[in-house]
Structures are given as C-alpha cells and as structure tokens.
Amino acid sequence: MAAEAPLAALEGRLGHRFSDAALLTRALTHRSFSSDHNERLEFLGDSVLNLAVASLLYERLRAQPEGDLSRIRANLVKQDTLHQLALDLGLPEALRLGEGEARSGGHRRPSILADAVEALIGAVYLDAGYAAAESLVHRLLRNVEIKPQMTAAAKDPKTELQEFLQGRKMKLPVYRVAGTLGAAHKQTFDVECEVPDLGVVERGIGASRRAGEQAAAAAVLMTLKGSKR
C-alpha cells in the first residue's frame, strides 16, 4: 500500500484516476529500468499534446495567423516547458529509473522528465480517450500565460522546418528513431528526418529522442538552404 500512495497522489495532481493502473506505471518507467518502458507512450503523447495545444490556441487566439500559432505552440511543447510541468507534478520522485541512470541524476534530467510528461498524456489517452487527455493538457497549462508575444521566442529547428514546409503547402516531416547507442542509462538517439515531398532524408544524434529530432531537422534545413529549394 505504501508504494501505491505516491501514485494516488500523482493521480490527484493529474486530475485523472486510471482505470488501468499499469498504464500509469509504464508512463513513469524509463528504458533503463525495464523493457516495459514509456517510449511508445511518449510517442503517442507527443501527438496528442500537439493536437490539444493546437485546438487550445485556435480557440483562444482567434486573431493570430497560422505562423504565429505554430511558434506559440512550439513554446508550449518545448522541453523547457514540459520540464517545468514535470517538476510541478512532482515527477522526479515518481520516475522509475535503472540504478545507473538514477546515480547519474536521471530523476532531474530535463529530457527524461519532459518525455515522462508526454508519456503520461499518452497513457491518459489510452485509458480514457482523447477528451480526457485534452482536458489534462489544458489543466497542465492553466498556469502558463499564453499570449501572442510568445512568438518572439527563437525558433528551434523543428519549428523552422515545419514553417518552411507549411509555407510551401508541403507535407510535414516524418521523424523515426533509426537506432540507439550506448548503455541504457547513457544512451544517444540516432534519428532520421524525412521530407517526403522533397525526397530529402537526413539524420541527427542527440542525448534524447527530442534532441535527436532537433539535430535531424537542423541537418534537413542545411540541406534545403544549400540547395535553395
């Protein structure tokens, strides 16, 4: 029962009681702890998060054009924002990490915490559907000031690439993890970024899936700018 108490407290902070408790446990499990880890949930949660934020901005910022909405969304789904949300939820104490990852400070690593937030969103989506996951995202962001001035923030490579393609009415890029390197507690991610409409594929390496995607997007941008497409 003692082990269940922190999870029940976390459910209270999330505002969602899981019907399938295994989903909550998996969302908090890093790959260094178990093969039944949270990366697939993170993949799912990333898409749910982007849709939920997009719908929120569409309703709240009715006067803003598409480009501004994309940049504001990038501010809300970036690692720094998700890391702070993870701290607000008390996730460092709830994460399940392997011994090596825990010793190296994994409970406080921004990339791991940000990924866990996405995994929790994915878990809620599987447990109760999109409406429940969207409500969770809105609750998580209720204390984050959303304003048009957020567009002044510097663009990250993924956002810049997305806007480049949207401006040309092209399909969004596709990201795939091509491989992982190193021990479970100190992995690097080899990520592939493909732009189907242009036949461009580049790869990037990062200390997290998110960082690998940014590196791959940056490589694609260099290729596109070099070819002046």
C-alpha atoms as a PDB file:
ATOM      1  CA  MET A   1       0.000   0.000   0.000  1.00  0.00           C
ATOM      2  CA  ALA A   2       2.895   2.364   0.740  1.00  0.00           C
ATOM      3  CA  ALA A   3       4.050   2.150  -2.887  1.00  0.00           C
ATOM      4  CA  GLU A   4       0.552   2.955  -4.114  1.00  0.00           C
ATOM      5  CA  ALA A   5       0.238   6.159  -2.089  1.00  0.00           C
ATOM      6  CA  PRO A   6       2.643   8.292  -4.213  1.00  0.00           C
ATOM      7  CA  LEU A   7       0.891   7.144  -7.392  1.00  0.00           C
ATOM      8  CA  ALA A   8      -2.506   8.010  -5.936  1.00  0.00           C
ATOM      9  CA  ALA A   9      -1.158  11.454  -5.026  1.00  0.00           C
ATOM     10  CA  LEU A  10       0.147  11.868  -8.572  1.00  0.00           C
ATOM     11  CA  GLU A  11      -3.262  10.899  -9.961  1.00  0.00           C
ATOM     12  CA  GLY A  12      -4.725  13.630  -7.779  1.00  0.00           C
ATOM     13  CA  ARG A  13      -2.330  16.199  -9.216  1.00  0.00           C
ATOM     14  CA  LEU A  14      -3.103  14.993 -12.732  1.00  0.00           C
ATOM     15  CA  GLY A  15      -6.819  15.141 -12.066  1.00  0.00           C
ATOM     16  CA  HIS A  16      -7.239  11.668 -13.557  1.00  0.00           C
ATOM     17  CA  ARG A  17      -7.793   8.311 -11.847  1.00  0.00           C
ATOM     18  CA  PHE A  18      -6.529   5.489 -14.049  1.00  0.00           C
ATOM     19  CA  SER A  19      -8.812   2.541 -14.788  1.00  0.00           C
ATOM     20  CA  ASP A  20      -5.709   0.659 -15.945  1.00  0.00           C
ATOM     21  CA  ALA A  21      -3.050   1.318 -13.314  1.00  0.00           C
ATOM     22  CA  ALA A  22      -0.427  -0.422 -15.463  1.00  0.00           C
ATOM     23  CA  LEU A  23      -0.557   2.476 -17.912  1.00  0.00           C
ATOM     24  CA  LEU A  24       0.440   4.930 -15.193  1.00  0.00           C
ATOM     25  CA  THR A  25       3.293   2.706 -14.071  1.00  0.00           C
ATOM     26  CA  ARG A  26       4.553   2.295 -17.624  1.00  0.00           C
ATOM     27  CA  ALA A  27       4.395   6.044 -18.262  1.00  0.00           C
ATOM     28  CA  LEU A  28       6.769   6.574 -15.342  1.00  0.00           C
ATOM     29  CA  THR A  29       9.201   3.821 -16.378  1.00  0.00           C
ATOM     30  CA  HIS A  30      12.421   4.756 -18.147  1.00  0.00           C
ATOM     31  CA  ARG A  31      14.026   2.300 -20.569  1.00  0.00           C
ATOM     32  CA  SER A  32      16.942   1.894 -18.131  1.00  0.00           C
ATOM     33  CA  PHE A  33      14.570   0.314 -15.590  1.00  0.00           C
ATOM     34  CA  SER A  34      12.608  -2.177 -17.682  1.00  0.00           C
ATOM     35  CA  SER A  35      11.852  -3.347 -21.203  1.00  0.00           C
ATOM     36  CA  ASP A  36       8.235  -2.345 -20.471  1.00  0.00           C
ATOM     37  CA  HIS A  37       9.142   1.345 -20.635  1.00  0.00           C
ATOM     38  CA  ASN A  38       7.424   4.586 -21.625  1.00  0.00           C
ATOM     39  CA  GLU A  39       8.833   5.400 -25.061  1.00  0.00           C
ATOM     40  CA  ARG A  40       5.810   4.205 -27.053  1.00  0.00           C
ATOM     41  CA  LEU A  41       3.510   6.144 -24.734  1.00  0.00           C
ATOM     42  CA  GLU A  42       5.765   9.166 -25.188  1.00  0.00           C
ATOM     43  CA  PHE A  43       5.427   8.863 -28.976  1.00  0.00           C
ATOM     44  CA  LEU A  44       1.646   8.771 -28.659  1.00  0.00           C
ATOM     45  CA  GLY A  45       1.510  11.553 -26.082  1.00  0.00           C
ATOM     46  CA  ASP A  46       3.608  13.857 -28.262  1.00  0.00           C
ATOM     47  CA  SER A  47       0.927  13.776 -30.980  1.00  0.00           C
ATOM     48  CA  VAL A  48      -1.944  14.174 -28.510  1.00  0.00           C
ATOM     49  CA  LEU A  49      -0.166  17.100 -26.850  1.00  0.00           C
ATOM     50  CA  ASN A  50       0.366  18.903 -30.148  1.00  0.00           C
ATOM     51  CA  LEU A  51      -3.275  18.481 -31.161  1.00  0.00           C
ATOM     52  CA  ALA A  52      -4.581  19.566 -27.753  1.00  0.00           C
ATOM     53  CA  VAL A  53      -2.371  22.665 -27.728  1.00  0.00           C
ATOM     54  CA  ALA A  54      -3.285  23.479 -31.328  1.00  0.00           C
ATOM     55  CA  SER A  55      -7.013  23.356 -30.539  1.00  0.00           C
ATOM     56  CA  LEU A  56      -6.475  25.454 -27.413  1.00  0.00           C
ATOM     57  CA  LEU A  57      -4.623  28.147 -29.346  1.00  0.00           C
ATOM     58  CA  TYR A  58      -7.143  28.074 -32.197  1.00  0.00           C
ATOM     59  CA  GLU A  59      -9.920  28.921 -29.756  1.00  0.00           C
ATOM     60  CA  ARG A  60      -8.031  31.314 -27.521  1.00  0.00           C
ATOM     61  CA  LEU A  61      -6.038  33.342 -30.058  1.00  0.00           C
ATOM     62  CA  ARG A  62      -8.594  33.892 -32.792  1.00  0.00           C
ATOM     63  CA  ALA A  63      -6.804  36.871 -34.337  1.00  0.00           C
ATOM     64  CA  GLN A  64      -3.435  35.157 -34.817  1.00  0.00           C
ATOM     65  CA  PRO A  65      -2.349  33.748 -38.206  1.00  0.00           C
ATOM     66  CA  GLU A  66      -1.076  30.208 -38.721  1.00  0.00           C
ATOM     67  CA  GLY A  67       2.615  31.086 -38.483  1.00  0.00           C
ATOM     68  CA  ASP A  68       2.175  32.785 -35.101  1.00  0.00           C
ATOM     69  CA  LEU A  69       0.115  29.884 -33.764  1.00  0.00           C
ATOM     70  CA  SER A  70       2.845  27.444 -34.801  1.00  0.00           C
ATOM     71  CA  ARG A  71       5.514  29.414 -32.959  1.00  0.00           C
ATOM     72  CA  ILE A  72       3.374  29.785 -29.840  1.00  0.00           C
ATOM     73  CA  ARG A  73       2.684  26.059 -29.862  1.00  0.00           C
ATOM     74  CA  ALA A  74       6.410  25.396 -30.155  1.00  0.00           C
ATOM     75  CA  ASN A  75       6.913  27.434 -26.977  1.00  0.00           C
ATOM     76  CA  LEU A  76       4.309  25.367 -25.138  1.00  0.00           C
ATOM     77  CA  VAL A  77       5.517  21.905 -26.188  1.00  0.00           C
ATOM     78  CA  LYS A  78       9.264  22.514 -25.960  1.00  0.00           C
ATOM     79  CA  GLN A  79      11.414  20.667 -23.444  1.00  0.00           C
ATOM     80  CA  ASP A  80      11.802  23.612 -21.065  1.00  0.00           C
ATOM     81  CA  THR A  81       8.037  23.980 -20.659  1.00  0.00           C
ATOM     82  CA  LEU A  82       7.428  20.254 -20.246  1.00  0.00           C
ATOM     83  CA  HIS A  83      10.295  20.010 -17.765  1.00  0.00           C
ATOM     84  CA  GLN A  84       8.688  22.672 -15.584  1.00  0.00           C
ATOM     85  CA  LEU A  85       5.337  20.895 -15.793  1.00  0.00           C
ATOM     86  CA  ALA A  86       7.056  17.691 -14.685  1.00  0.00           C
ATOM     87  CA  LEU A  87       8.510  19.465 -11.649  1.00  0.00           C
ATOM     88  CA  ASP A  88       5.093  20.919 -10.805  1.00  0.00           C
ATOM     89  CA  LEU A  89       3.643  17.393 -10.916  1.00  0.00           C
ATOM     90  CA  GLY A  90       6.388  16.019  -8.668  1.00  0.00           C
ATOM     91  CA  LEU A  91       7.578  13.539 -11.294  1.00  0.00           C
ATOM     92  CA  PRO A  92      11.222  13.332 -10.119  1.00  0.00           C
ATOM     93  CA  GLU A  93      10.101  11.293  -7.097  1.00  0.00           C
ATOM     94  CA  ALA A  94       7.740   9.112  -9.154  1.00  0.00           C
ATOM     95  CA  LEU A  95      10.048   8.079 -12.007  1.00  0.00           C
ATOM     96  CA  ARG A  96      11.294   4.501 -12.218  1.00  0.00           C
ATOM     97  CA  LEU A  97      14.923   4.545 -13.375  1.00  0.00           C
ATOM     98  CA  GLY A  98      17.664   1.959 -13.602  1.00  0.00           C
ATOM     99  CA  GLU A  99      20.397   2.139 -10.985  1.00  0.00           C
ATOM    100  CA  GLY A 100      22.958   3.708 -13.312  1.00  0.00           C
ATOM    101  CA  GLU A 101      20.569   6.337 -14.604  1.00  0.00           C
ATOM    102  CA  ALA A 102      19.436   7.174 -11.076  1.00  0.00           C
ATOM    103  CA  ARG A 103      23.038   7.570  -9.883  1.00  0.00           C
ATOM    104  CA  SER A 104      23.807   9.923 -12.767  1.00  0.00           C
ATOM    105  CA  GLY A 105      20.954  12.264 -11.822  1.00  0.00           C
ATOM    106  CA  GLY A 106      18.293  10.980 -14.194  1.00  0.00           C
ATOM    107  CA  HIS A 107      15.479  11.980 -11.841  1.00  0.00           C
ATOM    108  CA  ARG A 108      16.338  15.617 -12.537  1.00  0.00           C
ATOM    109  CA  ARG A 109      17.309  15.354 -16.209  1.00  0.00           C
ATOM    110  CA  PRO A 110      15.053  17.701 -18.240  1.00  0.00           C
ATOM    111  CA  SER A 111      14.814  15.404 -21.262  1.00  0.00           C
ATOM    112  CA  ILE A 112      13.688  12.408 -19.162  1.00  0.00           C
ATOM    113  CA  LEU A 113      11.142  14.482 -17.260  1.00  0.00           C
ATOM    114  CA  ALA A 114       9.766  16.115 -20.410  1.00  0.00           C
ATOM    115  CA  ASP A 115       9.414  12.699 -22.039  1.00  0.00           C
ATOM    116  CA  ALA A 116       7.567  11.397 -18.978  1.00  0.00           C
ATOM    117  CA  VAL A 117       5.010  14.212 -19.242  1.00  0.00           C
ATOM    118  CA  GLU A 118       4.307  13.201 -22.842  1.00  0.00           C
ATOM    119  CA  ALA A 119       4.088   9.550 -21.789  1.00  0.00           C
ATOM    120  CA  LEU A 120       1.519  10.445 -19.119  1.00  0.00           C
ATOM    121  CA  ILE A 121      -0.574  12.269 -21.711  1.00  0.00           C
ATOM    122  CA  GLY A 122      -0.400   9.206 -23.941  1.00  0.00           C
ATOM    123  CA  ALA A 123      -1.360   6.974 -21.023  1.00  0.00           C
ATOM    124  CA  VAL A 124      -4.422   9.078 -20.211  1.00  0.00           C
ATOM    125  CA  TYR A 125      -5.417   8.964 -23.880  1.00  0.00           C
ATOM    126  CA  LEU A 126      -5.315   5.148 -23.892  1.00  0.00           C
ATOM    127  CA  ASP A 127      -7.021   4.925 -20.514  1.00  0.00           C
ATOM    128  CA  ALA A 128      -9.940   7.273 -21.161  1.00  0.00           C
ATOM    129  CA  GLY A 129      -9.827   8.701 -24.688  1.00  0.00           C
ATOM    130  CA  TYR A 130      -8.926  11.981 -26.340  1.00  0.00           C
ATOM    131  CA  ALA A 131     -11.300  14.218 -24.360  1.00  0.00           C
ATOM    132  CA  ALA A 132      -9.699  13.170 -21.071  1.00  0.00           C
ATOM    133  CA  ALA A 133      -6.188  13.665 -22.472  1.00  0.00           C
ATOM    134  CA  GLU A 134      -7.108  17.084 -23.881  1.00  0.00           C
ATOM    135  CA  SER A 135      -8.544  18.101 -20.512  1.00  0.00           C
ATOM    136  CA  LEU A 136      -5.295  17.014 -18.863  1.00  0.00           C
ATOM    137  CA  VAL A 137      -3.238  19.152 -21.248  1.00  0.00           C
ATOM    138  CA  HIS A 138      -5.465  22.153 -20.561  1.00  0.00           C
ATOM    139  CA  ARG A 139      -5.098  21.616 -16.793  1.00  0.00           C
ATOM    140  CA  LEU A 140      -1.328  21.341 -17.088  1.00  0.00           C
ATOM    141  CA  LEU A 141      -1.184  24.627 -18.978  1.00  0.00           C
ATOM    142  CA  ARG A 142      -3.691  26.540 -16.864  1.00  0.00           C
ATOM    143  CA  ASN A 143      -0.945  28.475 -15.046  1.00  0.00           C
ATOM    144  CA  VAL A 144       1.114  29.115 -18.188  1.00  0.00           C
ATOM    145  CA  GLU A 145       0.497  32.566 -19.630  1.00  0.00           C
ATOM    146  CA  ILE A 146      -0.413  32.179 -23.293  1.00  0.00           C
ATOM    147  CA  LYS A 147      -0.033  35.372 -25.280  1.00  0.00           C
ATOM    148  CA  PRO A 148       0.815  36.457 -28.825  1.00  0.00           C
ATOM    149  CA  GLN A 149       4.151  37.874 -27.631  1.00  0.00           C
ATOM    150  CA  MET A 150       5.381  34.301 -27.241  1.00  0.00           C
ATOM    151  CA  THR A 151       6.003  34.390 -30.973  1.00  0.00           C
ATOM    152  CA  ALA A 152       9.129  36.447 -30.269  1.00  0.00           C
ATOM    153  CA  ALA A 153      10.879  33.355 -28.926  1.00  0.00           C
ATOM    154  CA  ALA A 154      13.647  31.948 -31.072  1.00  0.00           C
ATOM    155  CA  LYS A 155      12.603  29.169 -33.409  1.00  0.00           C
ATOM    156  CA  ASP A 156      14.021  25.713 -32.856  1.00  0.00           C
ATOM    157  CA  PRO A 157      14.982  23.671 -35.954  1.00  0.00           C
ATOM    158  CA  LYS A 158      11.818  21.518 -35.870  1.00  0.00           C
ATOM    159  CA  THR A 159       9.585  24.598 -35.803  1.00  0.00           C
ATOM    160  CA  GLU A 160      11.591  26.334 -38.518  1.00  0.00           C
ATOM    161  CA  LEU A 161      11.413  23.254 -40.750  1.00  0.00           C
ATOM    162  CA  GLN A 162       7.675  22.887 -40.149  1.00  0.00           C
ATOM    163  CA  GLU A 163       7.038  26.515 -41.072  1.00  0.00           C
ATOM    164  CA  PHE A 164       9.275  26.201 -44.140  1.00  0.00           C
ATOM    165  CA  LEU A 165       7.201  23.280 -45.414  1.00  0.00           C
ATOM    166  CA  GLN A 166       3.821  24.719 -44.424  1.00  0.00           C
ATOM    167  CA  GLY A 167       4.641  27.921 -46.272  1.00  0.00           C
ATOM    168  CA  ARG A 168       5.097  25.835 -49.415  1.00  0.00           C
ATOM    169  CA  LYS A 169       1.982  23.702 -48.800  1.00  0.00           C
ATOM    170  CA  MET A 170       4.096  20.579 -48.310  1.00  0.00           C
ATOM    171  CA  LYS A 171       3.564  17.620 -46.018  1.00  0.00           C
ATOM    172  CA  LEU A 172       5.153  17.791 -42.565  1.00  0.00           C
ATOM    173  CA  PRO A 173       8.411  15.904 -41.955  1.00  0.00           C
ATOM    174  CA  VAL A 174       8.457  12.368 -40.627  1.00  0.00           C
ATOM    175  CA  TYR A 175      10.799  11.503 -37.728  1.00  0.00           C
ATOM    176  CA  ARG A 176      11.996   7.971 -36.982  1.00  0.00           C
ATOM    177  CA  VAL A 177      14.431   6.622 -34.410  1.00  0.00           C
ATOM    178  CA  ALA A 178      16.976   4.803 -36.584  1.00  0.00           C
ATOM    179  CA  GLY A 179      18.896   3.408 -33.627  1.00  0.00           C
ATOM    180  CA  THR A 180      20.198   3.928 -30.124  1.00  0.00           C
ATOM    181  CA  LEU A 181      23.794   3.842 -28.939  1.00  0.00           C
ATOM    182  CA  GLY A 182      25.378   3.278 -25.549  1.00  0.00           C
ATOM    183  CA  ALA A 183      24.260   1.854 -22.222  1.00  0.00           C
ATOM    184  CA  ALA A 184      20.627   2.268 -21.161  1.00  0.00           C
ATOM    185  CA  HIS A 185      21.486   4.987 -18.636  1.00  0.00           C
ATOM    186  CA  LYS A 186      23.648   6.949 -21.083  1.00  0.00           C
ATOM    187  CA  GLN A 187      22.090   6.497 -24.499  1.00  0.00           C
ATOM    188  CA  THR A 188      22.233   8.625 -27.590  1.00  0.00           C
ATOM    189  CA  PHE A 189      19.482   8.572 -30.189  1.00  0.00           C
ATOM    190  CA  ASP A 190      20.111   8.378 -33.928  1.00  0.00           C
ATOM    191  CA  VAL A 191      17.042   9.996 -35.504  1.00  0.00           C
ATOM    192  CA  GLU A 192      16.066  10.213 -39.166  1.00  0.00           C
ATOM    193  CA  CYS A 193      14.059  13.135 -40.570  1.00  0.00           C
ATOM    194  CA  GLU A 194      12.380  12.687 -43.950  1.00  0.00           C
ATOM    195  CA  VAL A 195      10.652  15.319 -46.066  1.00  0.00           C
ATOM    196  CA  PRO A 196       8.534  13.160 -48.393  1.00  0.00           C
ATOM    197  CA  ASP A 197       7.600  15.905 -50.854  1.00  0.00           C
ATOM    198  CA  LEU A 198      11.246  16.760 -51.496  1.00  0.00           C
ATOM    199  CA  GLY A 199      12.819  13.341 -51.222  1.00  0.00           C
ATOM    200  CA  VAL A 200      15.194  14.624 -48.529  1.00  0.00           C
ATOM    201  CA  VAL A 201      16.354  12.414 -45.649  1.00  0.00           C
ATOM    202  CA  GLU A 202      18.885  13.463 -43.012  1.00  0.00           C
ATOM    203  CA  ARG A 203      19.918  12.117 -39.618  1.00  0.00           C
ATOM    204  CA  GLY A 204      20.861  13.651 -36.298  1.00  0.00           C
ATOM    205  CA  ILE A 205      22.248  12.438 -32.972  1.00  0.00           C
ATOM    206  CA  GLY A 206      21.068  13.580 -29.551  1.00  0.00           C
ATOM    207  CA  ALA A 207      21.067  12.601 -25.878  1.00  0.00           C
ATOM    208  CA  SER A 208      17.272  12.153 -26.100  1.00  0.00           C
ATOM    209  CA  ARG A 209      14.780  11.389 -28.856  1.00  0.00           C
ATOM    210  CA  ARG A 210      13.736  15.027 -28.768  1.00  0.00           C
ATOM    211  CA  ALA A 211      17.323  16.263 -29.139  1.00  0.00           C
ATOM    212  CA  GLY A 212      17.929  13.805 -31.973  1.00  0.00           C
ATOM    213  CA  GLU A 213      14.858  15.111 -33.812  1.00  0.00           C
ATOM    214  CA  GLN A 214      16.108  18.685 -33.458  1.00  0.00           C
ATOM    215  CA  ALA A 215      19.541  17.701 -34.795  1.00  0.00           C
ATOM    216  CA  ALA A 216      17.976  15.866 -37.731  1.00  0.00           C
ATOM    217  CA  ALA A 217      15.696  18.820 -38.516  1.00  0.00           C
ATOM    218  CA  ALA A 218      18.709  21.143 -38.436  1.00  0.00           C
ATOM    219  CA  ALA A 219      20.501  18.865 -40.907  1.00  0.00           C
ATOM    220  CA  VAL A 220      17.498  18.924 -43.257  1.00  0.00           C
ATOM    221  CA  LEU A 221      17.349  22.721 -43.071  1.00  0.00           C
ATOM    222  CA  MET A 222      21.022  22.944 -44.007  1.00  0.00           C
ATOM    223  CA  THR A 223      20.395  20.689 -46.994  1.00  0.00           C
ATOM    224  CA  LEU A 224      17.352  22.664 -48.122  1.00  0.00           C
ATOM    225  CA  LYS A 225      19.062  26.027 -47.722  1.00  0.00           C
ATOM    226  CA  GLY A 226      22.136  24.733 -49.505  1.00  0.00           C
ATOM    227  CA  SER A 227      20.042  23.605 -52.472  1.00  0.00           C
ATOM    228  CA  LYS A 228      17.882  26.787 -52.314  1.00  0.00           C
ATOM    229  CA  ARG A 229      14.664  24.789 -52.736  1.00  0.00           C
END
